[in-house]
């Protein structure tokens, strides 16, 4: 298929049909939802949601978590 001859609408339509064919309708929608623009200030929200930990604290937590999974 020569995609350089297709309009953007045609490419979008063919692409979505391929997604539906390979992932099913629900999977295709989930895939598309990953690329929506979103809103707000991600950096500010992230800082307010995540605890402030040093690299050492994160490392110790990882080792603790791995130790409990054995």
N, C-alpha and C. Protein backbone atom coordinates (compact mmCIF):
# COMPACT_ATOMS: atom_id res chain seq x y z
N UNK A 1 0.84 -1.18 0.00
CA UNK A 1 0.00 0.00 0.00
C UNK A 1 0.89 1.24 0.00
N UNK A 2 0.56 2.17 -0.83
CA UNK A 2 1.34 3.41 -0.93
C UNK A 2 0.68 4.47 -0.05
N UNK A 3 1.17 4.57 1.18
CA UNK A 3 0.54 5.49 2.12
C UNK A 3 0.77 6.95 1.77
N UNK A 4 1.80 7.25 0.95
CA UNK A 4 2.03 8.64 0.59
C UNK A 4 0.96 9.16 -0.37
N UNK A 5 0.13 8.28 -0.91
CA UNK A 5 -0.95 8.68 -1.80
C UNK A 5 -2.28 8.84 -1.05
N UNK A 6 -2.33 8.45 0.22
CA UNK A 6 -3.56 8.51 1.00
C UNK A 6 -3.69 9.84 1.72
N UNK A 7 -4.94 10.25 1.96
CA UNK A 7 -5.17 11.44 2.78
C UNK A 7 -4.96 11.08 4.25
N UNK A 8 -4.82 12.07 5.09
CA UNK A 8 -4.67 11.81 6.52
C UNK A 8 -5.90 11.09 7.07
N UNK A 9 -7.08 11.44 6.58
CA UNK A 9 -8.30 10.78 7.00
C UNK A 9 -8.25 9.29 6.65
N UNK A 10 -7.81 8.98 5.43
CA UNK A 10 -7.73 7.57 5.01
C UNK A 10 -6.72 6.80 5.85
N UNK A 11 -5.59 7.41 6.14
CA UNK A 11 -4.57 6.75 6.97
C UNK A 11 -5.12 6.48 8.36
N UNK A 12 -5.81 7.49 8.93
CA UNK A 12 -6.40 7.34 10.27
C UNK A 12 -7.44 6.22 10.27
N UNK A 13 -8.28 6.17 9.24
CA UNK A 13 -9.32 5.14 9.15
C UNK A 13 -8.71 3.75 9.01
N UNK A 14 -7.75 3.59 8.13
CA UNK A 14 -7.10 2.29 7.93
C UNK A 14 -6.36 1.87 9.19
N UNK A 15 -5.71 2.83 9.84
CA UNK A 15 -4.99 2.52 11.08
C UNK A 15 -5.93 2.06 12.17
N UNK A 16 -7.06 2.74 12.33
CA UNK A 16 -7.99 2.33 13.37
C UNK A 16 -8.59 0.97 13.06
N UNK A 17 -8.88 0.70 11.79
CA UNK A 17 -9.38 -0.62 11.40
C UNK A 17 -8.36 -1.71 11.74
N UNK A 18 -7.08 -1.42 11.53
CA UNK A 18 -6.03 -2.40 11.88
C UNK A 18 -5.99 -2.63 13.38
N UNK A 19 -6.13 -1.56 14.16
CA UNK A 19 -6.14 -1.71 15.61
C UNK A 19 -7.32 -2.57 16.05
N UNK A 20 -8.49 -2.32 15.51
CA UNK A 20 -9.68 -3.10 15.87
C UNK A 20 -9.48 -4.56 15.48
N UNK A 21 -8.93 -4.79 14.30
CA UNK A 21 -8.70 -6.15 13.83
C UNK A 21 -7.74 -6.89 14.76
N UNK A 22 -6.66 -6.24 15.19
CA UNK A 22 -5.63 -6.89 15.99
C UNK A 22 -5.94 -6.92 17.49
N UNK A 23 -6.57 -5.86 17.99
CA UNK A 23 -6.79 -5.73 19.44
C UNK A 23 -8.24 -5.90 19.86
N UNK A 24 -9.14 -5.91 18.89
CA UNK A 24 -10.56 -5.90 19.21
C UNK A 24 -11.00 -4.47 19.52
N UNK A 25 -12.31 -4.24 19.55
CA UNK A 25 -12.81 -2.88 19.77
C UNK A 25 -12.35 -2.26 21.09
N UNK A 26 -12.46 -3.01 22.17
CA UNK A 26 -12.08 -2.47 23.49
C UNK A 26 -10.58 -2.19 23.55
N UNK A 27 -9.78 -3.08 23.03
CA UNK A 27 -8.33 -2.88 23.03
C UNK A 27 -7.92 -1.70 22.17
N UNK A 28 -8.59 -1.51 21.03
CA UNK A 28 -8.29 -0.39 20.16
C UNK A 28 -8.58 0.93 20.86
N UNK A 29 -9.72 1.00 21.55
CA UNK A 29 -10.07 2.22 22.28
C UNK A 29 -9.07 2.47 23.40
N UNK A 30 -8.68 1.44 24.13
CA UNK A 30 -7.69 1.61 25.21
C UNK A 30 -6.37 2.12 24.65
N UNK A 31 -5.97 1.61 23.49
CA UNK A 31 -4.73 2.07 22.85
C UNK A 31 -4.83 3.55 22.52
N UNK A 32 -5.92 3.96 21.90
CA UNK A 32 -6.11 5.37 21.51
C UNK A 32 -6.14 6.27 22.74
N UNK A 33 -6.74 5.81 23.82
CA UNK A 33 -6.82 6.63 25.04
C UNK A 33 -5.45 6.96 25.62
N UNK A 34 -4.46 6.18 25.33
CA UNK A 34 -3.12 6.46 25.83
C UNK A 34 -2.55 7.74 25.26
N UNK A 35 -3.10 8.20 24.14
CA UNK A 35 -2.53 9.34 23.44
C UNK A 35 -3.37 10.61 23.55
N UNK A 36 -4.33 10.62 24.49
CA UNK A 36 -5.08 11.87 24.64
C UNK A 36 -4.22 12.88 25.36
N UNK A 37 -4.48 14.13 25.14
CA UNK A 37 -3.62 15.20 25.63
C UNK A 37 -3.58 15.33 27.14
N UNK A 38 -4.67 15.15 27.81
CA UNK A 38 -4.68 15.34 29.25
C UNK A 38 -4.72 16.81 29.61
N UNK A 39 -4.61 17.10 30.90
CA UNK A 39 -4.68 18.47 31.36
C UNK A 39 -3.97 18.60 32.70
N UNK A 40 -3.77 19.81 33.13
CA UNK A 40 -3.15 20.05 34.43
C UNK A 40 -1.63 20.09 34.33
N UNK A 41 -1.01 20.16 35.49
CA UNK A 41 0.44 20.23 35.59
C UNK A 41 0.94 18.91 36.19
N UNK A 42 1.39 18.02 35.31
CA UNK A 42 1.81 16.69 35.74
C UNK A 42 2.91 16.75 36.80
N UNK A 43 3.88 17.62 36.60
CA UNK A 43 5.01 17.70 37.52
C UNK A 43 4.55 18.11 38.91
N UNK A 44 3.70 19.10 38.99
CA UNK A 44 3.20 19.55 40.29
C UNK A 44 2.36 18.46 40.95
N UNK A 45 1.48 17.80 40.19
CA UNK A 45 0.67 16.72 40.75
C UNK A 45 1.54 15.58 41.24
N UNK A 46 2.55 15.23 40.46
CA UNK A 46 3.44 14.13 40.83
C UNK A 46 4.15 14.44 42.14
N UNK A 47 4.64 15.67 42.28
CA UNK A 47 5.34 16.05 43.50
C UNK A 47 4.42 15.99 44.71
N UNK A 48 3.16 16.34 44.53
CA UNK A 48 2.24 16.33 45.67
C UNK A 48 1.79 14.91 46.02
N UNK A 49 1.80 13.99 45.05
CA UNK A 49 1.31 12.64 45.29
C UNK A 49 2.38 11.68 45.79
N UNK A 50 3.59 11.84 45.30
CA UNK A 50 4.66 10.91 45.65
C UNK A 50 5.44 11.40 46.86
N UNK A 51 5.77 10.48 47.76
CA UNK A 51 6.56 10.87 48.92
C UNK A 51 7.98 11.26 48.51
N UNK A 52 8.56 12.15 49.28
CA UNK A 52 9.95 12.55 48.99
C UNK A 52 10.87 11.53 49.64
N UNK A 53 11.60 10.81 48.81
CA UNK A 53 12.52 9.78 49.30
C UNK A 53 13.85 9.96 48.61
N UNK A 54 14.91 9.63 49.34
CA UNK A 54 16.24 9.67 48.73
C UNK A 54 16.44 8.40 47.89
N UNK A 55 17.47 8.41 47.09
CA UNK A 55 17.80 7.24 46.28
C UNK A 55 18.06 6.03 47.19
N UNK A 56 18.74 6.27 48.30
CA UNK A 56 19.02 5.20 49.26
C UNK A 56 17.75 4.60 49.83
N UNK A 57 16.80 5.46 50.18
CA UNK A 57 15.53 4.97 50.73
C UNK A 57 14.77 4.13 49.70
N UNK A 58 14.78 4.57 48.47
CA UNK A 58 14.11 3.82 47.41
C UNK A 58 14.79 2.47 47.23
N UNK A 59 16.11 2.45 47.22
CA UNK A 59 16.86 1.20 47.09
C UNK A 59 16.56 0.23 48.21
N UNK A 60 16.54 0.74 49.45
CA UNK A 60 16.22 -0.13 50.59
C UNK A 60 14.81 -0.68 50.49
N UNK A 61 13.87 0.13 50.05
CA UNK A 61 12.50 -0.33 49.89
C UNK A 61 12.41 -1.43 48.83
N UNK A 62 13.14 -1.26 47.75
CA UNK A 62 13.15 -2.30 46.70
C UNK A 62 13.70 -3.61 47.25
N UNK A 63 14.80 -3.52 47.98
CA UNK A 63 15.39 -4.73 48.56
C UNK A 63 14.43 -5.39 49.55
N UNK A 64 13.73 -4.60 50.36
CA UNK A 64 12.74 -5.15 51.29
C UNK A 64 11.63 -5.87 50.53
N UNK A 65 11.13 -5.21 49.49
CA UNK A 65 10.04 -5.80 48.69
C UNK A 65 10.50 -7.11 48.03
N UNK A 66 11.69 -7.12 47.51
CA UNK A 66 12.20 -8.34 46.87
C UNK A 66 12.38 -9.45 47.89
N UNK A 67 12.80 -9.09 49.08
CA UNK A 67 13.02 -10.08 50.12
C UNK A 67 11.74 -10.77 50.57
N UNK A 68 10.63 -10.06 50.54
CA UNK A 68 9.37 -10.63 50.98
C UNK A 68 8.71 -11.49 49.91
N UNK A 69 9.17 -11.38 48.68
CA UNK A 69 8.56 -12.11 47.58
C UNK A 69 9.21 -13.48 47.34
N UNK A 70 10.26 -13.80 48.08
CA UNK A 70 10.97 -15.08 47.85
C UNK A 70 10.19 -16.26 48.36
